[in-house]
N, C-alpha and C. Protein backbone atom coordinates (compact mmCIF):
# COMPACT_ATOMS: atom_id res chain seq x y z
N MET A 1 0.83 -1.19 0.00
CA MET A 1 0.00 0.00 0.00
C MET A 1 0.87 1.25 0.00
N ILE A 2 0.36 2.25 -0.63
CA ILE A 2 1.04 3.54 -0.69
C ILE A 2 0.03 4.61 -0.33
N ARG A 3 0.47 5.56 0.45
CA ARG A 3 -0.37 6.72 0.78
C ARG A 3 0.19 7.95 0.09
N THR A 4 -0.68 8.69 -0.54
CA THR A 4 -0.31 9.99 -1.09
C THR A 4 -0.96 11.04 -0.18
N ALA A 5 -0.94 12.28 -0.59
CA ALA A 5 -1.53 13.34 0.23
C ALA A 5 -3.01 13.06 0.53
N ARG A 6 -3.74 12.51 -0.44
CA ARG A 6 -5.18 12.31 -0.25
C ARG A 6 -5.65 10.89 -0.48
N LEU A 7 -4.79 10.02 -0.98
CA LEU A 7 -5.24 8.72 -1.46
C LEU A 7 -4.53 7.56 -0.80
N LEU A 8 -5.20 6.43 -0.78
CA LEU A 8 -4.61 5.15 -0.43
C LEU A 8 -4.59 4.33 -1.71
N LEU A 9 -3.41 3.84 -2.09
CA LEU A 9 -3.25 3.03 -3.29
C LEU A 9 -2.91 1.62 -2.84
N ARG A 10 -3.73 0.67 -3.23
CA ARG A 10 -3.55 -0.71 -2.79
C ARG A 10 -3.73 -1.65 -3.96
N GLN A 11 -3.29 -2.90 -3.77
CA GLN A 11 -3.51 -3.91 -4.80
C GLN A 11 -5.00 -4.17 -4.95
N PRO A 12 -5.43 -4.43 -6.16
CA PRO A 12 -6.85 -4.74 -6.37
C PRO A 12 -7.20 -6.12 -5.82
N HIS A 13 -8.47 -6.29 -5.44
CA HIS A 13 -8.98 -7.55 -4.91
C HIS A 13 -10.26 -7.93 -5.67
N LEU A 14 -10.60 -9.20 -5.61
CA LEU A 14 -11.84 -9.66 -6.25
C LEU A 14 -13.06 -8.93 -5.69
N SER A 15 -12.96 -8.49 -4.44
CA SER A 15 -14.08 -7.76 -3.84
C SER A 15 -14.31 -6.40 -4.50
N ASP A 16 -13.42 -5.97 -5.37
CA ASP A 16 -13.58 -4.70 -6.10
C ASP A 16 -14.43 -4.86 -7.36
N LEU A 17 -14.90 -6.06 -7.65
CA LEU A 17 -15.57 -6.32 -8.92
C LEU A 17 -16.79 -5.44 -9.14
N GLU A 18 -17.64 -5.24 -8.15
CA GLU A 18 -18.85 -4.43 -8.36
C GLU A 18 -18.47 -3.01 -8.77
N PHE A 19 -17.44 -2.46 -8.14
CA PHE A 19 -16.99 -1.12 -8.51
C PHE A 19 -16.45 -1.10 -9.94
N VAL A 20 -15.66 -2.11 -10.30
CA VAL A 20 -15.10 -2.20 -11.65
C VAL A 20 -16.24 -2.25 -12.68
N CYS A 21 -17.26 -3.04 -12.40
CA CYS A 21 -18.40 -3.14 -13.32
C CYS A 21 -19.14 -1.81 -13.42
N ASP A 22 -19.31 -1.12 -12.31
CA ASP A 22 -19.96 0.18 -12.33
C ASP A 22 -19.11 1.18 -13.11
N LEU A 23 -17.82 1.18 -12.86
CA LEU A 23 -16.91 2.14 -13.50
C LEU A 23 -16.86 1.96 -15.01
N PHE A 24 -16.56 0.76 -15.46
CA PHE A 24 -16.36 0.52 -16.89
C PHE A 24 -17.66 0.22 -17.63
N GLY A 25 -18.75 0.17 -16.90
CA GLY A 25 -20.05 0.06 -17.53
C GLY A 25 -20.64 1.42 -17.91
N ARG A 26 -19.92 2.49 -17.57
CA ARG A 26 -20.38 3.85 -17.85
C ARG A 26 -19.90 4.32 -19.22
N ALA A 27 -20.81 4.84 -19.99
CA ALA A 27 -20.48 5.30 -21.34
C ALA A 27 -19.37 6.35 -21.35
N GLN A 28 -19.38 7.29 -20.39
CA GLN A 28 -18.36 8.33 -20.38
C GLN A 28 -16.96 7.79 -20.05
N MET A 29 -16.88 6.62 -19.43
CA MET A 29 -15.58 6.03 -19.11
C MET A 29 -14.93 5.37 -20.33
N VAL A 30 -15.72 4.95 -21.27
CA VAL A 30 -15.18 4.24 -22.44
C VAL A 30 -15.33 5.05 -23.73
N ALA A 31 -15.78 6.28 -23.62
CA ALA A 31 -16.07 7.10 -24.80
C ALA A 31 -14.86 7.33 -25.69
N HIS A 32 -13.66 7.34 -25.12
CA HIS A 32 -12.46 7.65 -25.90
C HIS A 32 -11.64 6.41 -26.25
N ARG A 33 -12.25 5.26 -26.19
CA ARG A 33 -11.57 4.02 -26.55
C ARG A 33 -11.85 3.66 -28.00
N PRO A 34 -11.02 2.78 -28.57
CA PRO A 34 -11.31 2.31 -29.94
C PRO A 34 -12.71 1.72 -30.06
N ASP A 35 -13.13 0.96 -29.06
CA ASP A 35 -14.49 0.44 -29.01
C ASP A 35 -15.17 1.09 -27.80
N PRO A 36 -16.01 2.09 -28.04
CA PRO A 36 -16.62 2.84 -26.93
C PRO A 36 -17.84 2.16 -26.30
N THR A 37 -17.92 0.85 -26.41
CA THR A 37 -19.04 0.11 -25.83
C THR A 37 -18.76 -0.13 -24.34
N PRO A 38 -19.71 0.23 -23.46
CA PRO A 38 -19.52 -0.08 -22.04
C PRO A 38 -19.27 -1.57 -21.84
N GLU A 39 -18.45 -1.88 -20.84
CA GLU A 39 -18.07 -3.27 -20.61
C GLU A 39 -19.15 -4.04 -19.85
N ASP A 40 -19.31 -5.30 -20.22
CA ASP A 40 -20.23 -6.17 -19.49
C ASP A 40 -19.51 -6.81 -18.31
N ARG A 41 -20.23 -7.55 -17.50
CA ARG A 41 -19.67 -8.13 -16.27
C ARG A 41 -18.50 -9.08 -16.58
N GLU A 42 -18.63 -9.89 -17.61
CA GLU A 42 -17.56 -10.82 -17.96
C GLU A 42 -16.28 -10.07 -18.33
N THR A 43 -16.40 -9.03 -19.12
CA THR A 43 -15.23 -8.23 -19.51
C THR A 43 -14.61 -7.56 -18.29
N CYS A 44 -15.44 -7.05 -17.40
CA CYS A 44 -14.94 -6.42 -16.18
C CYS A 44 -14.24 -7.43 -15.28
N THR A 45 -14.80 -8.62 -15.18
CA THR A 45 -14.17 -9.68 -14.38
C THR A 45 -12.80 -10.01 -14.96
N ASN A 46 -12.73 -10.17 -16.27
CA ASN A 46 -11.44 -10.47 -16.91
C ASN A 46 -10.44 -9.33 -16.70
N ARG A 47 -10.91 -8.10 -16.75
CA ARG A 47 -10.05 -6.94 -16.52
C ARG A 47 -9.45 -7.00 -15.10
N LEU A 48 -10.31 -7.23 -14.13
CA LEU A 48 -9.85 -7.28 -12.75
C LEU A 48 -8.89 -8.46 -12.52
N LEU A 49 -9.20 -9.61 -13.10
CA LEU A 49 -8.31 -10.77 -12.96
C LEU A 49 -6.96 -10.50 -13.62
N ARG A 50 -6.94 -9.79 -14.76
CA ARG A 50 -5.68 -9.41 -15.41
C ARG A 50 -4.85 -8.51 -14.49
N ASP A 51 -5.52 -7.54 -13.87
CA ASP A 51 -4.81 -6.63 -12.97
C ASP A 51 -4.24 -7.38 -11.76
N ILE A 52 -5.02 -8.26 -11.18
CA ILE A 52 -4.54 -9.06 -10.05
C ILE A 52 -3.38 -9.95 -10.49
N GLY A 53 -3.50 -10.58 -11.64
CA GLY A 53 -2.44 -11.42 -12.18
C GLY A 53 -1.17 -10.65 -12.48
N HIS A 54 -1.31 -9.41 -12.94
CA HIS A 54 -0.14 -8.57 -13.22
C HIS A 54 0.65 -8.35 -11.94
N TRP A 55 -0.04 -8.07 -10.85
CA TRP A 55 0.63 -7.91 -9.56
C TRP A 55 1.37 -9.19 -9.16
N GLU A 56 0.71 -10.32 -9.35
CA GLU A 56 1.33 -11.60 -8.98
C GLU A 56 2.55 -11.89 -9.84
N GLN A 57 2.51 -11.54 -11.11
CA GLN A 57 3.62 -11.83 -12.01
C GLN A 57 4.76 -10.83 -11.89
N HIS A 58 4.45 -9.55 -11.73
CA HIS A 58 5.48 -8.51 -11.79
C HIS A 58 5.76 -7.81 -10.46
N GLY A 59 4.90 -7.96 -9.48
CA GLY A 59 5.10 -7.28 -8.20
C GLY A 59 4.66 -5.82 -8.20
N PHE A 60 4.02 -5.39 -9.27
CA PHE A 60 3.46 -4.04 -9.36
C PHE A 60 2.33 -4.08 -10.38
N GLY A 61 1.60 -2.99 -10.48
CA GLY A 61 0.51 -2.92 -11.44
C GLY A 61 -0.40 -1.76 -11.15
N ARG A 62 -1.63 -1.86 -11.64
CA ARG A 62 -2.62 -0.82 -11.36
C ARG A 62 -3.10 -0.99 -9.93
N TRP A 63 -3.16 0.12 -9.23
CA TRP A 63 -3.68 0.12 -7.86
C TRP A 63 -5.18 0.34 -7.88
N ALA A 64 -5.83 -0.14 -6.84
CA ALA A 64 -7.18 0.31 -6.51
C ALA A 64 -6.96 1.60 -5.73
N VAL A 65 -7.68 2.65 -6.10
CA VAL A 65 -7.46 3.99 -5.54
C VAL A 65 -8.61 4.34 -4.62
N GLU A 66 -8.28 4.62 -3.36
CA GLU A 66 -9.31 4.97 -2.37
C GLU A 66 -9.07 6.39 -1.86
N ASN A 67 -10.17 7.07 -1.57
CA ASN A 67 -10.15 8.36 -0.91
C ASN A 67 -11.12 8.26 0.26
N ASP A 68 -10.63 8.49 1.46
CA ASP A 68 -11.48 8.37 2.65
C ASP A 68 -12.17 7.01 2.72
N SER A 69 -11.42 5.94 2.44
CA SER A 69 -11.90 4.55 2.48
C SER A 69 -12.96 4.24 1.43
N GLU A 70 -13.13 5.11 0.45
CA GLU A 70 -14.07 4.88 -0.63
C GLU A 70 -13.28 4.64 -1.92
N LEU A 71 -13.60 3.56 -2.61
CA LEU A 71 -12.95 3.25 -3.88
C LEU A 71 -13.41 4.26 -4.93
N ILE A 72 -12.44 4.96 -5.56
CA ILE A 72 -12.79 5.98 -6.54
C ILE A 72 -12.20 5.70 -7.92
N GLY A 73 -11.34 4.69 -8.04
CA GLY A 73 -10.77 4.39 -9.34
C GLY A 73 -9.65 3.39 -9.29
N PHE A 74 -8.94 3.30 -10.41
CA PHE A 74 -7.79 2.43 -10.56
C PHE A 74 -6.73 3.18 -11.34
N GLY A 75 -5.48 2.91 -11.06
CA GLY A 75 -4.42 3.55 -11.83
C GLY A 75 -3.06 3.05 -11.40
N GLY A 76 -2.10 3.25 -12.28
CA GLY A 76 -0.73 2.83 -12.02
C GLY A 76 -0.05 2.48 -13.32
N VAL A 77 0.94 1.61 -13.24
CA VAL A 77 1.67 1.22 -14.44
C VAL A 77 1.64 -0.29 -14.62
N THR A 78 1.60 -0.69 -15.88
CA THR A 78 1.64 -2.10 -16.24
C THR A 78 2.65 -2.27 -17.38
N VAL A 79 3.10 -3.49 -17.56
CA VAL A 79 3.98 -3.80 -18.69
C VAL A 79 3.15 -3.64 -19.96
N SER A 80 3.62 -2.84 -20.89
CA SER A 80 2.89 -2.59 -22.12
C SER A 80 2.96 -3.80 -23.04
N GLU A 81 1.83 -4.18 -23.59
CA GLU A 81 1.78 -5.28 -24.55
C GLU A 81 2.12 -4.82 -25.96
N HIS A 82 2.02 -3.52 -26.22
CA HIS A 82 2.13 -3.03 -27.60
C HIS A 82 3.29 -2.06 -27.83
N PHE A 83 3.85 -1.48 -26.77
CA PHE A 83 4.87 -0.46 -26.92
C PHE A 83 6.00 -0.70 -25.93
N THR A 84 7.16 -0.14 -26.20
CA THR A 84 8.29 -0.25 -25.29
C THR A 84 8.07 0.67 -24.10
N GLY A 85 8.16 0.13 -22.92
CA GLY A 85 8.01 0.91 -21.70
C GLY A 85 6.84 0.44 -20.87
N LEU A 86 6.76 0.97 -19.67
CA LEU A 86 5.63 0.70 -18.81
C LEU A 86 4.49 1.64 -19.19
N ASN A 87 3.28 1.12 -19.19
CA ASN A 87 2.11 1.90 -19.58
C ASN A 87 1.43 2.50 -18.36
N LEU A 88 1.38 3.81 -18.30
CA LEU A 88 0.70 4.53 -17.24
C LEU A 88 -0.77 4.67 -17.61
N SER A 89 -1.64 4.29 -16.69
CA SER A 89 -3.08 4.46 -16.94
C SER A 89 -3.76 4.87 -15.65
N TYR A 90 -4.92 5.46 -15.79
CA TYR A 90 -5.71 5.93 -14.65
C TYR A 90 -7.16 5.95 -15.08
N HIS A 91 -8.00 5.46 -14.21
CA HIS A 91 -9.43 5.40 -14.47
C HIS A 91 -10.13 5.84 -13.20
N VAL A 92 -10.59 7.07 -13.18
CA VAL A 92 -11.23 7.64 -11.99
C VAL A 92 -12.73 7.75 -12.26
N HIS A 93 -13.51 7.37 -11.27
CA HIS A 93 -14.96 7.46 -11.39
C HIS A 93 -15.35 8.90 -11.74
N PRO A 94 -16.29 9.08 -12.67
CA PRO A 94 -16.68 10.44 -13.09
C PRO A 94 -17.10 11.36 -11.95
N ALA A 95 -17.61 10.81 -10.87
CA ALA A 95 -18.00 11.64 -9.73
C ALA A 95 -16.80 12.36 -9.10
N PHE A 96 -15.60 11.88 -9.43
CA PHE A 96 -14.38 12.45 -8.85
C PHE A 96 -13.48 13.12 -9.88
N TRP A 97 -13.98 13.31 -11.09
CA TRP A 97 -13.19 13.97 -12.12
C TRP A 97 -12.93 15.42 -11.74
N GLY A 98 -11.80 15.93 -12.16
CA GLY A 98 -11.48 17.34 -11.97
C GLY A 98 -10.85 17.69 -10.64
N ALA A 99 -10.63 16.70 -9.79
CA ALA A 99 -10.05 16.96 -8.47
C ALA A 99 -8.56 16.68 -8.41
N GLY A 100 -7.96 16.29 -9.54
CA GLY A 100 -6.52 16.03 -9.56
C GLY A 100 -6.11 14.65 -9.10
N TYR A 101 -7.06 13.74 -8.93
CA TYR A 101 -6.73 12.40 -8.45
C TYR A 101 -5.90 11.61 -9.46
N ALA A 102 -6.21 11.71 -10.74
CA ALA A 102 -5.43 10.99 -11.75
C ALA A 102 -3.98 11.47 -11.76
N THR A 103 -3.78 12.76 -11.63
CA THR A 103 -2.42 13.30 -11.57
C THR A 103 -1.69 12.81 -10.33
N GLU A 104 -2.39 12.71 -9.22
CA GLU A 104 -1.79 12.22 -7.98
C GLU A 104 -1.38 10.75 -8.10
N VAL A 105 -2.22 9.96 -8.75
CA VAL A 105 -1.89 8.55 -8.99
C VAL A 105 -0.68 8.44 -9.91
N ALA A 106 -0.65 9.24 -10.97
CA ALA A 106 0.48 9.22 -11.90
C ALA A 106 1.78 9.58 -11.19
N GLY A 107 1.74 10.58 -10.34
CA GLY A 107 2.94 10.97 -9.58
C GLY A 107 3.41 9.86 -8.67
N ALA A 108 2.49 9.16 -8.03
CA ALA A 108 2.86 8.05 -7.15
C ALA A 108 3.52 6.93 -7.95
N ALA A 109 3.05 6.70 -9.17
CA ALA A 109 3.65 5.66 -10.00
C ALA A 109 5.11 5.98 -10.28
N PHE A 110 5.42 7.23 -10.55
CA PHE A 110 6.81 7.62 -10.82
C PHE A 110 7.66 7.56 -9.56
N ASP A 111 7.08 7.87 -8.43
CA ASP A 111 7.83 7.87 -7.18
C ASP A 111 8.22 6.47 -6.73
N THR A 112 7.47 5.46 -7.15
CA THR A 112 7.69 4.11 -6.63
C THR A 112 8.40 3.17 -7.59
N LEU A 113 8.55 3.55 -8.86
CA LEU A 113 9.17 2.65 -9.83
C LEU A 113 10.40 3.29 -10.44
N GLY A 114 11.39 2.48 -10.68
CA GLY A 114 12.59 2.95 -11.36
C GLY A 114 12.56 2.58 -12.83
N ALA A 115 11.50 2.93 -13.52
CA ALA A 115 11.33 2.54 -14.92
C ALA A 115 12.27 3.32 -15.82
N GLN A 116 12.76 2.67 -16.84
CA GLN A 116 13.59 3.33 -17.84
C GLN A 116 12.75 4.16 -18.80
N ARG A 117 11.54 3.69 -19.08
CA ARG A 117 10.65 4.40 -20.01
C ARG A 117 9.21 4.17 -19.58
N VAL A 118 8.45 5.23 -19.54
CA VAL A 118 7.03 5.16 -19.23
C VAL A 118 6.27 5.81 -20.38
N ILE A 119 5.21 5.14 -20.80
CA ILE A 119 4.37 5.69 -21.87
C ILE A 119 2.95 5.87 -21.36
N GLY A 120 2.21 6.69 -22.03
CA GLY A 120 0.80 6.88 -21.75
C GLY A 120 0.09 7.12 -23.06
N LEU A 121 -1.09 6.62 -23.19
CA LEU A 121 -1.86 6.75 -24.42
C LEU A 121 -3.13 7.54 -24.14
N ALA A 122 -3.46 8.43 -25.06
CA ALA A 122 -4.69 9.21 -24.92
C ALA A 122 -5.31 9.41 -26.29
N HIS A 123 -6.59 9.30 -26.34
CA HIS A 123 -7.31 9.56 -27.59
C HIS A 123 -7.17 11.04 -27.92
N PRO A 124 -7.00 11.39 -29.19
CA PRO A 124 -6.86 12.80 -29.56
C PRO A 124 -8.01 13.69 -29.08
N SER A 125 -9.19 13.12 -28.90
CA SER A 125 -10.34 13.92 -28.46
C SER A 125 -10.48 13.96 -26.94
N ASN A 126 -9.44 13.52 -26.21
CA ASN A 126 -9.50 13.50 -24.75
C ASN A 126 -8.41 14.41 -24.17
N PRO A 127 -8.59 15.73 -24.24
CA PRO A 127 -7.56 16.65 -23.75
C PRO A 127 -7.32 16.53 -22.24
N ALA A 128 -8.32 16.14 -21.47
CA ALA A 128 -8.12 16.00 -20.03
C ALA A 128 -7.08 14.93 -19.73
N SER A 129 -7.17 13.80 -20.41
CA SER A 129 -6.19 12.73 -20.21
C SER A 129 -4.80 13.16 -20.67
N GLN A 130 -4.74 13.90 -21.77
CA GLN A 130 -3.46 14.40 -22.25
C GLN A 130 -2.82 15.35 -21.24
N ARG A 131 -3.63 16.18 -20.59
CA ARG A 131 -3.10 17.10 -19.56
C ARG A 131 -2.53 16.32 -18.38
N VAL A 132 -3.21 15.25 -17.97
CA VAL A 132 -2.69 14.42 -16.87
C VAL A 132 -1.33 13.87 -17.23
N LEU A 133 -1.19 13.35 -18.44
CA LEU A 133 0.09 12.78 -18.87
C LEU A 133 1.18 13.85 -18.86
N CYS A 134 0.87 15.03 -19.33
CA CYS A 134 1.86 16.12 -19.34
C CYS A 134 2.23 16.54 -17.91
N ARG A 135 1.25 16.63 -17.02
CA ARG A 135 1.54 16.99 -15.63
C ARG A 135 2.41 15.94 -14.96
N ALA A 136 2.29 14.69 -15.42
CA ALA A 136 3.09 13.60 -14.86
C ALA A 136 4.51 13.59 -15.42
N GLY A 137 4.80 14.46 -16.38
CA GLY A 137 6.15 14.54 -16.92
C GLY A 137 6.33 13.88 -18.28
N LEU A 138 5.28 13.32 -18.84
CA LEU A 138 5.37 12.73 -20.17
C LEU A 138 5.17 13.82 -21.21
N ARG A 139 5.75 13.62 -22.36
CA ARG A 139 5.63 14.57 -23.47
C ARG A 139 5.15 13.84 -24.71
N PHE A 140 4.38 14.56 -25.52
CA PHE A 140 3.88 13.97 -26.75
C PHE A 140 5.05 13.49 -27.59
N GLU A 141 4.97 12.24 -28.02
CA GLU A 141 6.02 11.65 -28.85
C GLU A 141 5.55 11.47 -30.29
N ARG A 142 4.36 10.91 -30.45
CA ARG A 142 3.87 10.66 -31.81
C ARG A 142 2.42 10.19 -31.76
N THR A 143 1.81 10.25 -32.91
CA THR A 143 0.50 9.64 -33.09
C THR A 143 0.72 8.24 -33.63
N THR A 144 -0.04 7.28 -33.12
CA THR A 144 0.10 5.90 -33.55
C THR A 144 -1.29 5.26 -33.57
N GLU A 145 -1.32 3.98 -33.81
CA GLU A 145 -2.59 3.27 -33.87
C GLU A 145 -2.59 2.15 -32.84
N LEU A 146 -3.72 1.98 -32.18
CA LEU A 146 -3.90 0.89 -31.24
C LEU A 146 -5.30 0.34 -31.44
N ARG A 147 -5.38 -0.94 -31.73
CA ARG A 147 -6.66 -1.63 -31.96
C ARG A 147 -7.53 -0.90 -32.98
N GLY A 148 -6.88 -0.43 -34.03
CA GLY A 148 -7.61 0.19 -35.13
C GLY A 148 -7.99 1.64 -34.93
N ALA A 149 -7.54 2.25 -33.85
CA ALA A 149 -7.88 3.65 -33.59
C ALA A 149 -6.61 4.48 -33.40
N GLU A 150 -6.69 5.73 -33.79
CA GLU A 150 -5.58 6.65 -33.60
C GLU A 150 -5.47 7.04 -32.13
N VAL A 151 -4.26 7.02 -31.60
CA VAL A 151 -4.00 7.47 -30.23
C VAL A 151 -2.75 8.33 -30.23
N ALA A 152 -2.70 9.22 -29.25
CA ALA A 152 -1.50 10.03 -29.03
C ALA A 152 -0.64 9.30 -28.01
N LEU A 153 0.60 9.05 -28.35
CA LEU A 153 1.54 8.37 -27.45
C LEU A 153 2.41 9.43 -26.79
N PHE A 154 2.38 9.45 -25.47
CA PHE A 154 3.22 10.32 -24.66
C PHE A 154 4.26 9.44 -23.99
N ALA A 155 5.44 9.97 -23.73
CA ALA A 155 6.49 9.14 -23.13
C ALA A 155 7.48 10.00 -22.36
N CYS A 156 8.20 9.35 -21.48
CA CYS A 156 9.37 9.95 -20.84
C CYS A 156 10.32 8.81 -20.49
N SER A 157 11.59 9.14 -20.41
CA SER A 157 12.58 8.15 -20.03
C SER A 157 13.14 8.52 -18.67
N ALA A 158 13.87 7.60 -18.07
CA ALA A 158 14.34 7.75 -16.70
C ALA A 158 15.08 9.06 -16.47
N ASN A 159 15.82 9.51 -17.46
CA ASN A 159 16.58 10.75 -17.25
C ASN A 159 15.72 12.00 -17.31
N VAL A 160 14.43 11.85 -17.66
CA VAL A 160 13.53 13.00 -17.72
C VAL A 160 12.77 13.16 -16.42
N VAL A 161 12.42 12.04 -15.79
CA VAL A 161 11.60 12.06 -14.57
C VAL A 161 12.41 12.54 -13.40
């Protein structure tokens, strides 16, 4: 577990499944993805099991993010399947958007890992996510494609952080 100024970051648990289903079942949470269809329970279960398995395999991953003992999102870094570097991601419940929680999670990820390269992906129509990546120290590197959709790839290397 890690504590930031306002958050508790912990490993995800199976007991988080209802929150994961609520979070990723929301249209506004998936609006900027290649497939903007809200996730069903099976997809959410697989997502959570992947996150738990990532922790078991690598000793790090996306945290479950709590504020005042309330689960508000997920975020952290995972081994990228498609690009060189660790992939920074953050998924905060819309009720908590605009409070700087994603930026706080991103900062904690940099403080705890000695990564050589960290990347972040944001849809071109999602300026809020792009701002979080920039505040975390990543810089726009290039436009690329992921799962058939254009994404902006942001990155930084160890000597930048």
